[in-house]
Amino acid sequence: MTFQWWHVLVALLPMLPTFWSIVHVWSHEFASPQQRALWLVLVVFLPVLGGLIYIFTGRKKALRTL
């Protein structure tokens, strides 16, 4: 089997929600520092699932951009 460019795409595509969620959590303010830390821990330790949970529920809890 030879290495193709789309192998990288297939490997990185599920990680896009995780990367986006980390950037969004880091660049937005939350009601408390503990809430921000909880979201970061969830997204980092449950990579694909945590990112999707944040996108559908946690994104609405972010108050404003820093």
PDB file of N, CA and C in Angstrom:
ATOM      1  N   MET A   1       0.844  -1.175   0.000  1.00  0.00           N
ATOM      2  CA  MET A   1       0.000   0.000   0.000  1.00  0.00           C
ATOM      3  C   MET A   1       0.895   1.246   0.000  1.00  0.00           C
ATOM      4  N   THR A   2       0.581   2.186  -0.857  1.00  0.00           N
ATOM      5  CA  THR A   2       1.362   3.415  -0.943  1.00  0.00           C
ATOM      6  C   THR A   2       0.653   4.534  -0.203  1.00  0.00           C
ATOM      7  N   PHE A   3       1.442   5.464   0.248  1.00  0.00           N
ATOM      8  CA  PHE A   3       0.915   6.609   0.986  1.00  0.00           C
ATOM      9  C   PHE A   3       0.351   7.634   0.006  1.00  0.00           C
ATOM     10  N   GLN A   4      -0.864   8.048   0.251  1.00  0.00           N
ATOM     11  CA  GLN A   4      -1.527   9.036  -0.605  1.00  0.00           C
ATOM     12  C   GLN A   4      -1.836  10.283   0.205  1.00  0.00           C
ATOM     13  N   TRP A   5      -2.076  11.412  -0.449  1.00  0.00           N
ATOM     14  CA  TRP A   5      -2.373  12.672   0.232  1.00  0.00           C
ATOM     15  C   TRP A   5      -3.683  12.611   1.006  1.00  0.00           C
ATOM     16  N   TRP A   6      -4.627  11.832   0.518  1.00  0.00           N
ATOM     17  CA  TRP A   6      -5.926  11.792   1.183  1.00  0.00           C
ATOM     18  C   TRP A   6      -5.883  11.015   2.489  1.00  0.00           C
ATOM     19  N   HIS A   7      -4.837  10.256   2.732  1.00  0.00           N
ATOM     20  CA  HIS A   7      -4.699   9.586   4.026  1.00  0.00           C
ATOM     21  C   HIS A   7      -4.569  10.621   5.145  1.00  0.00           C
ATOM     22  N   VAL A   8      -3.834  11.689   4.873  1.00  0.00           N
ATOM     23  CA  VAL A   8      -3.683  12.769   5.849  1.00  0.00           C
ATOM     24  C   VAL A   8      -5.028  13.440   6.084  1.00  0.00           C
ATOM     25  N   LEU A   9      -5.760  13.683   5.019  1.00  0.00           N
ATOM     26  CA  LEU A   9      -7.081  14.307   5.131  1.00  0.00           C
ATOM     27  C   LEU A   9      -8.034  13.450   5.960  1.00  0.00           C
ATOM     28  N   VAL A  10      -8.039  12.175   5.713  1.00  0.00           N
ATOM     29  CA  VAL A  10      -8.911  11.257   6.457  1.00  0.00           C
ATOM     30  C   VAL A  10      -8.526  11.223   7.932  1.00  0.00           C
ATOM     31  N   ALA A  11      -7.245  11.332   8.228  1.00  0.00           N
ATOM     32  CA  ALA A  11      -6.781  11.300   9.614  1.00  0.00           C
ATOM     33  C   ALA A  11      -7.081  12.611  10.334  1.00  0.00           C
ATOM     34  N   LEU A  12      -6.983  13.756   9.649  1.00  0.00           N
ATOM     35  CA  LEU A  12      -7.160  15.054  10.293  1.00  0.00           C
ATOM     36  C   LEU A  12      -8.602  15.548  10.310  1.00  0.00           C
ATOM     37  N   LEU A  13      -9.429  15.082   9.420  1.00  0.00           N
ATOM     38  CA  LEU A  13     -10.811  15.553   9.341  1.00  0.00           C
ATOM     39  C   LEU A  13     -11.594  15.380  10.642  1.00  0.00           C
ATOM     40  N   PRO A  14     -11.518  14.248  11.317  1.00  0.00           N
ATOM     41  CA  PRO A  14     -12.247  14.129  12.586  1.00  0.00           C
ATOM     42  C   PRO A  14     -11.708  15.043  13.685  1.00  0.00           C
ATOM     43  N   MET A  15     -10.469  15.512  13.546  1.00  0.00           N
ATOM     44  CA  MET A  15      -9.872  16.370  14.566  1.00  0.00           C
ATOM     45  C   MET A  15     -10.222  17.846  14.402  1.00  0.00           C
ATOM     46  N   LEU A  16     -10.815  18.235  13.295  1.00  0.00           N
ATOM     47  CA  LEU A  16     -11.159  19.640  13.072  1.00  0.00           C
ATOM     48  C   LEU A  16     -12.075  20.214  14.145  1.00  0.00           C
ATOM     49  N   PRO A  17     -13.137  19.512  14.572  1.00  0.00           N
ATOM     50  CA  PRO A  17     -13.952  20.075  15.659  1.00  0.00           C
ATOM     51  C   PRO A  17     -13.155  20.291  16.946  1.00  0.00           C
ATOM     52  N   THR A  18     -12.211  19.423  17.222  1.00  0.00           N
ATOM     53  CA  THR A  18     -11.386  19.563  18.423  1.00  0.00           C
ATOM     54  C   THR A  18     -10.501  20.797  18.335  1.00  0.00           C
ATOM     55  N   PHE A  19      -9.813  20.965  17.212  1.00  0.00           N
ATOM     56  CA  PHE A  19      -8.951  22.134  17.040  1.00  0.00           C
ATOM     57  C   PHE A  19      -9.752  23.420  17.125  1.00  0.00           C
ATOM     58  N   TRP A  20     -10.893  23.463  16.438  1.00  0.00           N
ATOM     59  CA  TRP A  20     -11.729  24.663  16.448  1.00  0.00           C
ATOM     60  C   TRP A  20     -12.233  24.956  17.859  1.00  0.00           C
ATOM     61  N   SER A  21     -12.637  23.928  18.586  1.00  0.00           N
ATOM     62  CA  SER A  21     -13.155  24.108  19.947  1.00  0.00           C
ATOM     63  C   SER A  21     -12.086  24.653  20.888  1.00  0.00           C
ATOM     64  N   ILE A  22     -10.863  24.152  20.777  1.00  0.00           N
ATOM     65  CA  ILE A  22      -9.783  24.642  21.630  1.00  0.00           C
ATOM     66  C   ILE A  22      -9.529  26.120  21.362  1.00  0.00           C
ATOM     67  N   VAL A  23      -9.481  26.507  20.108  1.00  0.00           N
ATOM     68  CA  VAL A  23      -9.265  27.920  19.765  1.00  0.00           C
ATOM     69  C   VAL A  23     -10.422  28.775  20.262  1.00  0.00           C
ATOM     70  N   HIS A  24     -11.646  28.289  20.120  1.00  0.00           N
ATOM     71  CA  HIS A  24     -12.827  29.054  20.540  1.00  0.00           C
ATOM     72  C   HIS A  24     -12.857  29.218  22.059  1.00  0.00           C
ATOM     73  N   VAL A  25     -12.590  28.163  22.798  1.00  0.00           N
ATOM     74  CA  VAL A  25     -12.575  28.246  24.261  1.00  0.00           C
ATOM     75  C   VAL A  25     -11.485  29.210  24.715  1.00  0.00           C
ATOM     76  N   TRP A  26     -10.318  29.120  24.099  1.00  0.00           N
ATOM     77  CA  TRP A  26      -9.185  29.950  24.503  1.00  0.00           C
ATOM     78  C   TRP A  26      -9.431  31.433  24.210  1.00  0.00           C
ATOM     79  N   SER A  27     -10.169  31.736  23.153  1.00  0.00           N
ATOM     80  CA  SER A  27     -10.329  33.128  22.738  1.00  0.00           C
ATOM     81  C   SER A  27     -11.628  33.767  23.226  1.00  0.00           C
ATOM     82  N   HIS A  28     -12.434  33.057  23.986  1.00  0.00           N
ATOM     83  CA  HIS A  28     -13.686  33.604  24.503  1.00  0.00           C
ATOM     84  C   HIS A  28     -13.694  33.579  26.028  1.00  0.00           C
ATOM     85  N   GLU A  29     -14.532  34.410  26.579  1.00  0.00           N
ATOM     86  CA  GLU A  29     -14.651  34.500  28.025  1.00  0.00           C
ATOM     87  C   GLU A  29     -15.870  33.687  28.478  1.00  0.00           C
ATOM     88  N   PHE A  30     -15.780  33.144  29.684  1.00  0.00           N
ATOM     89  CA  PHE A  30     -16.870  32.357  30.254  1.00  0.00           C
ATOM     90  C   PHE A  30     -17.275  32.953  31.589  1.00  0.00           C
ATOM     91  N   ALA A  31     -18.347  32.448  32.164  1.00  0.00           N
ATOM     92  CA  ALA A  31     -18.855  32.973  33.430  1.00  0.00           C
ATOM     93  C   ALA A  31     -17.829  32.822  34.549  1.00  0.00           C
ATOM     94  N   SER A  32     -17.040  31.774  34.504  1.00  0.00           N
ATOM     95  CA  SER A  32     -16.015  31.565  35.530  1.00  0.00           C
ATOM     96  C   SER A  32     -14.799  30.884  34.899  1.00  0.00           C
ATOM     97  N   PRO A  33     -13.632  31.049  35.519  1.00  0.00           N
ATOM     98  CA  PRO A  33     -12.440  30.359  35.005  1.00  0.00           C
ATOM     99  C   PRO A  33     -12.576  28.833  35.082  1.00  0.00           C
ATOM    100  N   GLN A  34     -13.327  28.355  36.060  1.00  0.00           N
ATOM    101  CA  GLN A  34     -13.527  26.913  36.197  1.00  0.00           C
ATOM    102  C   GLN A  34     -14.320  26.354  35.017  1.00  0.00           C
ATOM    103  N   GLN A  35     -15.280  27.117  34.525  1.00  0.00           N
ATOM    104  CA  GLN A  35     -16.074  26.665  33.388  1.00  0.00           C
ATOM    105  C   GLN A  35     -15.196  26.564  32.134  1.00  0.00           C
ATOM    106  N   ARG A  36     -14.333  27.542  31.947  1.00  0.00           N
ATOM    107  CA  ARG A  36     -13.410  27.503  30.810  1.00  0.00           C
ATOM    108  C   ARG A  36     -12.467  26.310  30.929  1.00  0.00           C
ATOM    109  N   ALA A  37     -11.930  26.081  32.113  1.00  0.00           N
ATOM    110  CA  ALA A  37     -11.017  24.959  32.327  1.00  0.00           C
ATOM    111  C   ALA A  37     -11.728  23.623  32.100  1.00  0.00           C
ATOM    112  N   LEU A  38     -12.961  23.524  32.540  1.00  0.00           N
ATOM    113  CA  LEU A  38     -13.728  22.289  32.337  1.00  0.00           C
ATOM    114  C   LEU A  38     -13.914  22.001  30.852  1.00  0.00           C
ATOM    115  N   TRP A  39     -14.241  23.019  30.071  1.00  0.00           N
ATOM    116  CA  TRP A  39     -14.414  22.816  28.633  1.00  0.00           C
ATOM    117  C   TRP A  39     -13.101  22.418  27.977  1.00  0.00           C
ATOM    118  N   LEU A  40     -12.009  23.054  28.372  1.00  0.00           N
ATOM    119  CA  LEU A  40     -10.713  22.698  27.793  1.00  0.00           C
ATOM    120  C   LEU A  40     -10.332  21.258  28.122  1.00  0.00           C
ATOM    121  N   VAL A  41     -10.555  20.848  29.368  1.00  0.00           N
ATOM    122  CA  VAL A  41     -10.244  19.468  29.762  1.00  0.00           C
ATOM    123  C   VAL A  41     -11.100  18.485  28.975  1.00  0.00           C
ATOM    124  N   LEU A  42     -12.385  18.784  28.820  1.00  0.00           N
ATOM    125  CA  LEU A  42     -13.278  17.902  28.077  1.00  0.00           C
ATOM    126  C   LEU A  42     -12.837  17.763  26.623  1.00  0.00           C
ATOM    127  N   VAL A  43     -12.532  18.883  26.003  1.00  0.00           N
ATOM    128  CA  VAL A  43     -12.153  18.858  24.587  1.00  0.00           C
ATOM    129  C   VAL A  43     -10.804  18.176  24.377  1.00  0.00           C
ATOM    130  N   VAL A  44      -9.862  18.390  25.281  1.00  0.00           N
ATOM    131  CA  VAL A  44      -8.528  17.815  25.104  1.00  0.00           C
ATOM    132  C   VAL A  44      -8.509  16.319  25.393  1.00  0.00           C
ATOM    133  N   PHE A  45      -9.219  15.881  26.424  1.00  0.00           N
ATOM    134  CA  PHE A  45      -9.151  14.470  26.807  1.00  0.00           C
ATOM    135  C   PHE A  45     -10.179  13.577  26.118  1.00  0.00           C
ATOM    136  N   LEU A  46     -11.183  14.156  25.499  1.00  0.00           N
ATOM    137  CA  LEU A  46     -12.119  13.402  24.655  1.00  0.00           C
ATOM    138  C   LEU A  46     -12.108  14.065  23.275  1.00  0.00           C
ATOM    139  N   PRO A  47     -11.061  13.861  22.508  1.00  0.00           N
ATOM    140  CA  PRO A  47     -10.820  14.698  21.337  1.00  0.00           C
ATOM    141  C   PRO A  47     -11.997  14.892  20.394  1.00  0.00           C
ATOM    142  N   VAL A  48     -12.463  13.914  19.718  1.00  0.00           N
ATOM    143  CA  VAL A  48     -13.515  14.130  18.722  1.00  0.00           C
ATOM    144  C   VAL A  48     -14.853  14.356  19.408  1.00  0.00           C
ATOM    145  N   LEU A  49     -15.186  13.534  20.354  1.00  0.00           N
ATOM    146  CA  LEU A  49     -16.467  13.653  21.050  1.00  0.00           C
ATOM    147  C   LEU A  49     -16.558  14.948  21.850  1.00  0.00           C
ATOM    148  N   GLY A  50     -15.499  15.307  22.552  1.00  0.00           N
ATOM    149  CA  GLY A  50     -15.490  16.542  23.325  1.00  0.00           C
ATOM    150  C   GLY A  50     -15.645  17.766  22.452  1.00  0.00           C
ATOM    151  N   GLY A  51     -15.002  17.767  21.291  1.00  0.00           N
ATOM    152  CA  GLY A  51     -15.145  18.877  20.357  1.00  0.00           C
ATOM    153  C   GLY A  51     -16.568  19.015  19.853  1.00  0.00           C
ATOM    154  N   LEU A  52     -17.200  17.906  19.537  1.00  0.00           N
ATOM    155  CA  LEU A  52     -18.587  17.958  19.064  1.00  0.00           C
ATOM    156  C   LEU A  52     -19.546  18.393  20.168  1.00  0.00           C
ATOM    157  N   ILE A  53     -19.320  17.917  21.389  1.00  0.00           N
ATOM    158  CA  ILE A  53     -20.165  18.342  22.513  1.00  0.00           C
ATOM    159  C   ILE A  53     -20.032  19.837  22.725  1.00  0.00           C
ATOM    160  N   TYR A  54     -18.811  20.351  22.645  1.00  0.00           N
ATOM    161  CA  TYR A  54     -18.617  21.792  22.825  1.00  0.00           C
ATOM    162  C   TYR A  54     -19.306  22.590  21.727  1.00  0.00           C
ATOM    163  N   ILE A  55     -19.193  22.147  20.498  1.00  0.00           N
ATOM    164  CA  ILE A  55     -19.805  22.881  19.393  1.00  0.00           C
ATOM    165  C   ILE A  55     -21.314  22.952  19.556  1.00  0.00           C
ATOM    166  N   PHE A  56     -21.944  21.863  19.981  1.00  0.00           N
ATOM    167  CA  PHE A  56     -23.404  21.847  20.063  1.00  0.00           C
ATOM    168  C   PHE A  56     -23.963  22.418  21.363  1.00  0.00           C
ATOM    169  N   THR A  57     -23.192  22.410  22.458  1.00  0.00           N
ATOM    170  CA  THR A  57     -23.733  22.908  23.725  1.00  0.00           C
ATOM    171  C   THR A  57     -22.912  24.016  24.359  1.00  0.00           C
ATOM    172  N   GLY A  58     -21.602  23.873  24.394  1.00  0.00           N
ATOM    173  CA  GLY A  58     -20.754  24.811  25.118  1.00  0.00           C
ATOM    174  C   GLY A  58     -20.540  26.137  24.430  1.00  0.00           C
ATOM    175  N   ARG A  59     -20.613  26.143  23.101  1.00  0.00           N
ATOM    176  CA  ARG A  59     -20.368  27.374  22.348  1.00  0.00           C
ATOM    177  C   ARG A  59     -21.347  28.465  22.752  1.00  0.00           C
ATOM    178  N   LYS A  60     -22.561  28.092  23.109  1.00  0.00           N
ATOM    179  CA  LYS A  60     -23.587  29.052  23.508  1.00  0.00           C
ATOM    180  C   LYS A  60     -23.311  29.650  24.886  1.00  0.00           C
ATOM    181  N   LYS A  61     -22.479  28.992  25.670  1.00  0.00           N
ATOM    182  CA  LYS A  61     -22.160  29.465  27.019  1.00  0.00           C
ATOM    183  C   LYS A  61     -21.009  30.477  27.044  1.00  0.00           C
ATOM    184  N   ALA A  62     -20.308  30.601  25.934  1.00  0.00           N
ATOM    185  CA  ALA A  62     -19.214  31.584  25.834  1.00  0.00           C
ATOM    186  C   ALA A  62     -19.825  32.972  25.802  1.00  0.00           C
ATOM    187  N   LEU A  63     -19.268  33.876  26.613  1.00  0.00           N
ATOM    188  CA  LEU A  63     -19.854  35.196  26.760  1.00  0.00           C
ATOM    189  C   LEU A  63     -19.421  36.152  25.660  1.00  0.00           C
ATOM    190  N   ARG A  64     -18.136  36.380  25.530  1.00  0.00           N
ATOM    191  CA  ARG A  64     -17.642  37.323  24.526  1.00  0.00           C
ATOM    192  C   ARG A  64     -16.189  37.033  24.233  1.00  0.00           C
ATOM    193  N   THR A  65     -15.714  37.658  23.183  1.00  0.00           N
ATOM    194  CA  THR A  65     -14.321  37.496  22.777  1.00  0.00           C
ATOM    195  C   THR A  65     -13.424  38.301  23.691  1.00  0.00           C
ATOM    196  N   LEU A  66     -12.287  37.738  24.041  1.00  0.00           N
ATOM    197  CA  LEU A  66     -11.316  38.462  24.883  1.00  0.00           C
ATOM    198  C   LEU A  66     -10.694  39.614  24.148  1.00  0.00           C
TER     199      LEU A  66
END
